[in-house]
Every structure is written in structure tokens, then in C-alpha cells.
Amino acid sequence: MSGKWLSSVAFVFALFLLLSCQQVTQLGRSPVKQLPIAEIHTGTQGVVMNFVDGAPPAEVFEKNRFEIAIEVENKGASNAEGVYVFGVPTDVISVDQVVFDSFKLEGKSPFAPVGERKRFVLVATAGELLEEHFPATITANICYQYSTKVTQVICIKPETALRRETREICTPQAKGLSGGQGGPVAVVSIDKPLMSPTRDQNAVVPVITLRVQNVGSGVVVDKGRFSELCGGRAGEGQDLLNVVKIDAKLSEKPLTCKPDVLKLAEDSSVTCRLSDADAISLESGTYEGLLEVQLDYGYVEQKSKNIVIKKIL
């Protein structure tokens, strides 16, 4: 009996040693509890980046090695795919590894209400100084593609000036949406749906106007070209900035949105409507329809850290 017990203890101890020797490159996101979809699609953050405390240190001596590290966490409801890049002043700092690489982070979900986190580390060496100290700025950038999904129940009342709907199942009205939808770009309001009559005036086409804003702290870019800014290939072009692709449907029927590629400004709006083929008969009566909107875009964040390189006297 004692021999079996000792062998079991030895096995557990060996397993502990094996696991403790593994380098942790991805931080866990253990499920807490299943959350409803409505709680997942809230908030105004996507991927959040911060420097790890002490990496880089506030002060470093010349010819000494030190670490530069960032932690990125997906706090939104979309999966993210992007790149990160460290910026170091190469005249006083040298690096042993590439400063540019890709990453993928899963977003929040009903079964994992905490988004995925990862940490990236760069080893650098301070150069030899001629003066007693030298201030330097280290930057970190992340550029990634992201989506925001908006789901709202809206009141559709098919009527024209010649024919009014009298049943008050619901009342069409404008909606203000605060708190975001799980991403840094959000629909902040929905105007009262308008009813555009068809030629024969026996049906109407709902027209819905959405107000869209950048509610995060970074810069919106074209989703297909998000890596150009981090990769240094963007040049001076402004055509990749503030670009959001819009897709929408009402009760599973596709909406045509104009513009379908929106250039964000201080007060940006997009107007979406059903096709004439999907026009709603006046006989159908008032009902509550499910409006679903997807915003696709790229996003860029930058952080900087000031350090002082000191000469060894």
C-alpha cells in the first residue's frame, strides 16, 4: 500500500515540475457562467493594449539588456485578427527579435464571457552612451480587423396617407443606443422608420436611418488594409481612414444601405431600405421586426512609454 502511495506522489510531483517549466504565452479565459447574447454585445472596447509593468523599466543602464512587453486583451464581442509592432529608437537601442508579428484573439461569447489575452515580449539592449543619460520613447501599435453586430427590435407600421393602420401593437419611434455593442464602432441611434409607398400604394418599403460613430479611443481604418498602418506601407493616403462596411437586414430580408461603405465623420449616417420586391403589404398590419446590422472595419491603437538610458560612471 505504501509503495503505491509513494509512486502516486512521485507521479504528481513530476507532472507539476513538467507543467511549471512551460513558458506561458497565452493568458487564460476560464468560463465564469453562460451569459445572454445581449450582455455579450455591450461595451465600447475591442482589443485593449497596455505595457506590462516594468517592461520596459523607467531607467536602464547602457549596454544592458531589458524587456519590452505588451499585453493585449479582446474585451469585445468579435474575434480579432491583426498585427502588433514595437517602435524603438534604433540609434540607442538594438533588438534581438522581429518587432512585427501577427496575432489572433477570440472575443467574448456566452460560454466565455472574458475575451482572450496574450502577451508579447521583445528583448532589447541599450547602446553605449557618450553623455550621462539619454531619454528615449518606445511605442507599441496594434492594427486589427473587427466587427460590431447590432440587434434591435423596431416597430414597422405599414401605412400611407390614404390608408392608416389603427391597431396599436407598437408605435414606431426613434431609438438612442448608449453603451456600445461590443466594439469600438457603434450604432448610436436609429431614426424613426419611414414608410415609402410603392407605385400602386398597396404596399410600403421601410426606410431606416442609422447613426454610426467611433466610440473607442483609436482610429478606424479600412478592414482590408488594417495592416498597412502597422506595416509602414500606408504612406500619406487618407482613403484607408474612417472606413466602415455596412450590412443590414430586417426580419431576415436584406436591406440595401447607402452608402454601404461609410466614411465616418462627426455625424455619420447611413440609410437602409428593403427592396421593392420585399415591400410590405398594407394588409399585413403593424408588427415588430428584427433589425440586424453588422459593421466591419479595421482599428488601430498606439501606446508609448518614456525611458531613460544612463551611462555607467
Protein backbone atom coordinates (compact mmCIF):
# COMPACT_ATOMS: atom_id res chain seq x y z
CA MET A 1 0.00 0.00 0.00
CA SER A 2 2.75 2.46 0.95
CA GLY A 3 4.68 1.69 -2.26
CA LYS A 4 1.67 2.54 -4.44
CA TRP A 5 1.09 5.72 -2.45
CA LEU A 6 4.72 6.82 -2.88
CA SER A 7 4.65 6.12 -6.62
CA SER A 8 1.45 8.19 -6.97
CA VAL A 9 3.05 11.11 -5.11
CA ALA A 10 6.14 10.86 -7.31
CA PHE A 11 3.98 10.94 -10.48
CA VAL A 12 2.06 14.05 -9.35
CA PHE A 13 5.31 15.79 -8.38
CA ALA A 14 6.89 15.00 -11.75
CA LEU A 15 3.81 16.29 -13.57
CA PHE A 16 3.92 19.52 -11.54
CA LEU A 17 7.57 20.05 -12.49
CA LEU A 18 6.82 19.44 -16.16
CA LEU A 19 3.97 21.94 -16.25
CA SER A 20 5.89 24.57 -14.31
CA CYS A 21 8.65 24.53 -16.91
CA GLN A 22 6.32 25.51 -19.77
CA GLN A 23 6.56 29.15 -20.87
CA VAL A 24 3.16 30.83 -20.68
CA THR A 25 2.49 32.85 -23.85
CA GLN A 26 -1.30 32.92 -23.66
CA LEU A 27 -3.30 34.01 -20.64
CA GLY A 28 -6.38 32.02 -19.71
CA ARG A 29 -10.02 32.99 -20.01
CA SER A 30 -11.86 30.39 -17.97
CA PRO A 31 -15.66 30.44 -18.40
CA VAL A 32 -17.44 32.04 -15.47
CA LYS A 33 -21.07 31.44 -16.42
CA GLN A 34 -23.17 31.46 -19.53
CA LEU A 35 -24.30 34.98 -20.37
CA PRO A 36 -27.18 36.08 -22.60
CA ILE A 37 -26.25 37.44 -26.03
CA ALA A 38 -27.49 40.92 -25.03
CA GLU A 39 -24.82 41.14 -22.32
CA ILE A 40 -22.05 40.00 -24.66
CA HIS A 41 -22.80 42.73 -27.22
CA THR A 42 -22.27 45.67 -24.88
CA GLY A 43 -19.34 47.97 -24.26
CA THR A 44 -17.23 50.22 -26.46
CA GLN A 45 -13.93 48.35 -26.43
CA GLY A 46 -12.34 45.93 -28.85
CA VAL A 47 -8.74 44.84 -28.38
CA VAL A 48 -7.08 46.69 -25.47
CA MET A 49 -3.31 47.00 -25.23
CA ASN A 50 -1.10 48.00 -22.31
CA PHE A 51 2.59 47.84 -21.48
CA VAL A 52 3.45 45.28 -18.82
CA ASP A 53 4.66 46.95 -15.60
CA GLY A 54 8.45 47.22 -15.58
CA ALA A 55 8.84 46.20 -19.21
CA PRO A 56 10.39 48.46 -20.25
CA PRO A 57 11.79 49.78 -16.96
CA ALA A 58 11.78 53.53 -16.36
CA GLU A 59 15.59 53.52 -16.28
CA VAL A 60 18.16 51.21 -17.87
CA PHE A 61 21.98 51.36 -17.93
CA GLU A 62 23.95 51.45 -21.17
CA LYS A 63 24.94 48.08 -22.72
CA ASN A 64 22.36 46.30 -20.53
CA ARG A 65 19.61 44.02 -21.83
CA PHE A 66 15.98 44.69 -20.88
CA GLU A 67 12.49 43.54 -21.84
CA ILE A 68 9.71 45.38 -23.64
CA ALA A 69 6.34 43.67 -23.20
CA ILE A 70 2.71 44.37 -24.03
CA GLU A 71 -0.45 42.57 -23.02
CA VAL A 72 -3.39 42.58 -25.42
CA GLU A 73 -6.90 41.56 -24.42
CA ASN A 74 -10.02 41.24 -26.50
CA LYS A 75 -12.75 42.95 -24.49
CA GLY A 76 -15.33 43.00 -27.27
CA ALA A 77 -17.75 40.53 -28.83
CA SER A 78 -15.90 39.89 -32.11
CA ASN A 79 -12.91 37.70 -32.85
CA ALA A 80 -9.90 39.82 -33.79
CA GLU A 81 -7.09 39.19 -36.24
CA GLY A 82 -4.28 41.68 -36.55
CA VAL A 83 -0.65 42.64 -36.15
CA TYR A 84 1.43 44.30 -33.48
CA VAL A 85 4.66 46.24 -33.88
CA PHE A 86 7.15 47.70 -31.42
CA GLY A 87 8.81 51.01 -32.22
CA VAL A 88 12.27 51.59 -30.72
CA PRO A 89 14.84 54.32 -31.42
CA THR A 90 17.46 52.21 -33.18
CA ASP A 91 20.20 54.79 -32.71
CA VAL A 92 20.36 53.98 -28.97
CA ILE A 93 18.56 50.62 -28.68
CA SER A 94 19.11 47.34 -30.53
CA VAL A 95 16.75 44.36 -30.58
CA ASP A 96 17.34 40.62 -30.89
CA GLN A 97 13.99 39.67 -32.46
CA VAL A 98 11.47 40.83 -35.03
CA VAL A 99 9.40 43.78 -33.85
CA PHE A 100 6.42 42.96 -36.08
CA ASP A 101 4.16 39.90 -35.89
CA SER A 102 0.53 38.75 -36.21
CA PHE A 103 -1.99 37.72 -33.57
CA LYS A 104 -5.49 36.28 -33.20
CA LEU A 105 -7.75 36.79 -30.20
CA GLU A 106 -11.17 35.29 -29.57
CA GLY A 107 -13.82 37.67 -28.30
CA LYS A 108 -16.44 37.27 -25.61
CA SER A 109 -19.15 34.67 -26.07
CA PRO A 110 -21.97 33.24 -23.96
CA PHE A 111 -19.69 30.40 -22.88
CA ALA A 112 -16.55 32.53 -22.42
CA PRO A 113 -17.61 35.96 -21.14
CA VAL A 114 -13.96 37.01 -20.77
CA GLY A 115 -12.09 37.61 -24.03
CA GLU A 116 -8.75 36.05 -24.87
CA ARG A 117 -5.48 37.62 -23.67
CA LYS A 118 -1.91 37.26 -24.92
CA ARG A 119 1.45 38.77 -24.01
CA PHE A 120 4.25 39.67 -26.43
CA VAL A 121 7.82 40.25 -25.27
CA LEU A 122 10.76 41.86 -27.05
CA VAL A 123 14.33 41.68 -25.70
CA ALA A 124 16.38 44.84 -26.31
CA THR A 125 19.85 46.14 -25.48
CA ALA A 126 20.69 49.73 -24.57
CA GLY A 127 23.56 51.18 -26.58
CA GLU A 128 26.73 52.80 -25.29
CA LEU A 129 26.34 56.48 -24.40
CA LEU A 130 28.62 59.48 -24.77
CA GLU A 131 26.54 61.59 -22.38
CA GLU A 132 25.41 60.78 -18.83
CA HIS A 133 21.83 59.98 -19.77
CA PHE A 134 19.61 59.79 -22.84
CA PRO A 135 15.76 59.94 -22.91
CA ALA A 136 14.04 57.57 -25.33
CA THR A 137 10.46 56.80 -26.29
CA ILE A 138 9.26 53.26 -27.04
CA THR A 139 5.95 52.73 -28.84
CA ALA A 140 3.66 49.79 -29.41
CA ASN A 141 0.97 49.63 -32.08
CA ILE A 142 -1.81 47.16 -32.77
CA CYS A 143 -3.79 47.10 -36.01
CA TYR A 144 -6.63 44.61 -36.32
CA GLN A 145 -9.89 43.84 -38.08
CA TYR A 146 -13.12 43.78 -36.12
CA SER A 147 -16.91 43.66 -36.39
CA THR A 148 -19.78 45.13 -34.41
CA LYS A 149 -23.15 43.39 -34.51
CA VAL A 150 -26.29 45.31 -33.62
CA THR A 151 -29.66 43.65 -33.00
CA GLN A 152 -32.74 45.74 -32.26
CA VAL A 153 -36.48 45.16 -32.35
CA ILE A 154 -38.16 48.03 -34.19
CA CYS A 155 -41.80 48.83 -34.87
CA ILE A 156 -42.91 48.59 -38.50
CA LYS A 157 -46.27 50.21 -39.25
CA PRO A 158 -47.20 49.79 -42.92
CA GLU A 159 -49.45 52.73 -43.78
CA THR A 160 -49.80 55.53 -46.30
CA ALA A 161 -51.68 58.83 -46.32
CA LEU A 162 -54.61 57.04 -47.97
CA ARG A 163 -54.69 54.14 -45.55
CA ARG A 164 -53.93 54.33 -41.85
CA GLU A 165 -53.23 51.40 -39.56
CA THR A 166 -55.42 51.59 -36.46
CA ARG A 167 -54.14 48.63 -34.44
CA GLU A 168 -51.58 49.82 -31.89
CA ILE A 169 -49.42 46.73 -31.44
CA CYS A 170 -46.43 49.07 -31.20
CA THR A 171 -45.52 52.65 -32.02
CA PRO A 172 -42.69 53.47 -34.47
CA GLN A 173 -40.14 55.71 -32.79
CA ALA A 174 -36.50 56.74 -32.82
CA LYS A 175 -34.08 54.84 -30.60
CA GLY A 176 -30.98 56.10 -28.83
CA LEU A 177 -28.41 53.35 -28.23
CA SER A 178 -25.88 54.05 -25.48
CA GLY A 179 -23.15 51.83 -24.05
CA GLY A 180 -21.94 50.36 -27.33
CA GLN A 181 -22.49 46.93 -28.86
CA GLY A 182 -19.26 45.13 -28.01
CA GLY A 183 -16.85 47.06 -30.24
CA PRO A 184 -15.22 50.49 -30.68
CA VAL A 185 -17.51 51.40 -33.60
CA ALA A 186 -21.21 51.53 -32.73
CA VAL A 187 -24.67 52.45 -33.93
CA VAL A 188 -25.55 55.28 -31.55
CA SER A 189 -29.12 55.87 -32.70
CA ILE A 190 -31.81 54.64 -35.07
CA ASP A 191 -34.21 57.18 -36.57
CA LYS A 192 -37.95 56.53 -36.64
CA PRO A 193 -38.61 54.17 -39.56
CA LEU A 194 -40.18 55.88 -42.57
CA MET A 195 -42.64 54.14 -44.91
CA SER A 196 -42.11 54.76 -48.62
CA PRO A 197 -45.24 53.79 -50.61
CA THR A 198 -44.96 51.70 -53.74
CA ARG A 199 -46.35 52.94 -57.06
CA ASP A 200 -49.69 51.19 -56.57
CA GLN A 201 -49.83 52.39 -52.94
CA ASN A 202 -50.83 48.91 -51.80
CA ALA A 203 -47.52 48.31 -50.02
CA VAL A 204 -44.70 50.25 -48.37
CA VAL A 205 -40.92 49.96 -48.23
CA PRO A 206 -39.42 50.66 -44.76
CA VAL A 207 -36.53 53.15 -44.77
CA ILE A 208 -34.27 53.11 -41.70
CA THR A 209 -31.53 55.64 -40.95
CA LEU A 210 -28.66 54.68 -38.62
CA ARG A 211 -26.16 56.99 -36.92
CA VAL A 212 -22.69 55.43 -36.64
CA GLN A 213 -19.73 56.67 -34.57
CA ASN A 214 -16.24 55.70 -33.44
CA VAL A 215 -16.83 55.37 -29.68
CA GLY A 216 -13.36 53.97 -28.86
CA SER A 217 -10.01 55.63 -28.28
CA GLY A 218 -8.29 54.54 -31.50
CA VAL A 219 -8.51 55.19 -35.24
CA VAL A 220 -10.89 53.43 -37.65
CA VAL A 221 -9.36 52.13 -40.90
CA ASP A 222 -10.40 50.05 -43.90
CA LYS A 223 -10.78 46.43 -42.74
CA GLY A 224 -8.97 45.08 -45.80
CA ARG A 225 -5.96 47.35 -45.27
CA PHE A 226 -5.60 47.42 -41.48
CA SER A 227 -2.06 46.05 -41.55
CA GLU A 228 -0.75 48.83 -43.79
CA LEU A 229 -0.51 51.33 -40.92
CA CYS A 230 1.35 48.95 -38.63
CA GLY A 231 3.49 47.70 -41.52
CA GLY A 232 4.52 51.20 -42.53
CA ARG A 233 3.09 50.92 -46.06
CA ALA A 234 0.22 53.40 -45.73
CA GLY A 235 2.08 56.47 -46.99
CA GLU A 236 0.13 59.70 -46.87
CA GLY A 237 -3.14 58.31 -48.25
CA GLN A 238 -6.31 59.18 -46.35
CA ASP A 239 -8.52 56.75 -48.27
CA LEU A 240 -7.98 53.95 -45.73
CA LEU A 241 -9.03 56.05 -42.70
CA ASN A 242 -12.52 56.04 -41.12
CA VAL A 243 -13.91 53.35 -43.44
CA VAL A 244 -16.78 51.12 -42.22
CA LYS A 245 -18.56 48.44 -44.28
CA ILE A 246 -22.31 48.19 -43.56
CA ASP A 247 -24.54 45.12 -43.91
CA ALA A 248 -28.11 45.02 -42.62
CA LYS A 249 -31.32 43.02 -42.76
CA LEU A 250 -34.85 43.36 -41.44
CA SER A 251 -36.65 40.21 -40.33
CA GLU A 252 -34.16 38.13 -42.35
CA LYS A 253 -34.70 40.18 -45.53
CA PRO A 254 -31.59 42.03 -46.82
CA LEU A 255 -31.54 45.82 -46.72
CA THR A 256 -29.80 47.99 -49.29
CA CYS A 257 -27.71 50.58 -47.44
CA LYS A 258 -26.41 53.82 -48.94
CA PRO A 259 -23.60 54.25 -48.58
CA ASP A 260 -22.70 50.60 -47.97
CA VAL A 261 -19.13 51.74 -47.29
CA LEU A 262 -19.34 54.64 -44.86
CA LYS A 263 -16.67 57.32 -44.32
CA LEU A 264 -17.02 58.17 -40.65
CA ALA A 265 -17.30 61.83 -39.72
CA GLU A 266 -18.53 63.69 -36.65
CA ASP A 267 -22.17 62.96 -37.53
CA SER A 268 -22.23 59.99 -39.90
CA SER A 269 -25.42 58.31 -41.04
CA VAL A 270 -26.42 55.52 -43.39
CA THR A 271 -29.89 54.91 -44.82
CA CYS A 272 -31.07 51.32 -45.37
CA ARG A 273 -34.24 50.15 -47.14
CA LEU A 274 -35.94 46.98 -48.24
CA SER A 275 -36.04 46.20 -51.95
CA ASP A 276 -39.28 46.85 -53.82
CA ALA A 277 -39.61 43.09 -54.24
CA ASP A 278 -39.81 42.75 -50.44
CA ALA A 279 -42.27 45.60 -49.95
CA ILE A 280 -44.71 45.10 -47.05
CA SER A 281 -48.38 44.90 -47.88
CA LEU A 282 -50.69 47.27 -46.09
CA GLU A 283 -52.78 44.21 -45.24
CA SER A 284 -50.02 42.77 -43.06
CA GLY A 285 -50.65 45.24 -40.24
CA THR A 286 -48.27 46.67 -37.64
CA TYR A 287 -45.58 44.33 -36.33
CA GLU A 288 -42.24 44.27 -34.55
CA GLY A 289 -39.36 43.44 -36.88
CA LEU A 290 -35.83 42.36 -36.00
CA LEU A 291 -33.21 44.76 -37.34
CA GLU A 292 -29.73 43.26 -37.63
CA VAL A 293 -26.72 45.38 -38.59
CA GLN A 294 -23.09 44.36 -38.99
CA LEU A 295 -20.28 46.93 -39.09
CA ASP A 296 -16.93 45.68 -40.45
CA TYR A 297 -13.78 47.77 -40.03
CA GLY A 298 -10.14 47.88 -39.05
CA TYR A 299 -8.90 49.54 -35.87
CA VAL A 300 -5.57 50.99 -34.73
CA GLU A 301 -4.32 51.74 -31.21
CA GLN A 302 -0.95 53.11 -30.07
CA LYS A 303 0.71 53.34 -26.66
CA SER A 304 4.08 54.89 -25.75
CA LYS A 305 6.48 54.62 -22.82
CA ASN A 306 9.31 57.02 -21.94
CA ILE A 307 12.53 55.59 -20.53
CA VAL A 308 15.96 56.99 -19.62
CA ILE A 309 19.17 55.26 -20.61
CA LYS A 310 22.00 56.01 -18.15
CA LYS A 311 25.72 55.87 -18.62
CA ILE A 312 27.73 53.67 -16.25
CA LEU A 313 30.09 56.09 -14.49
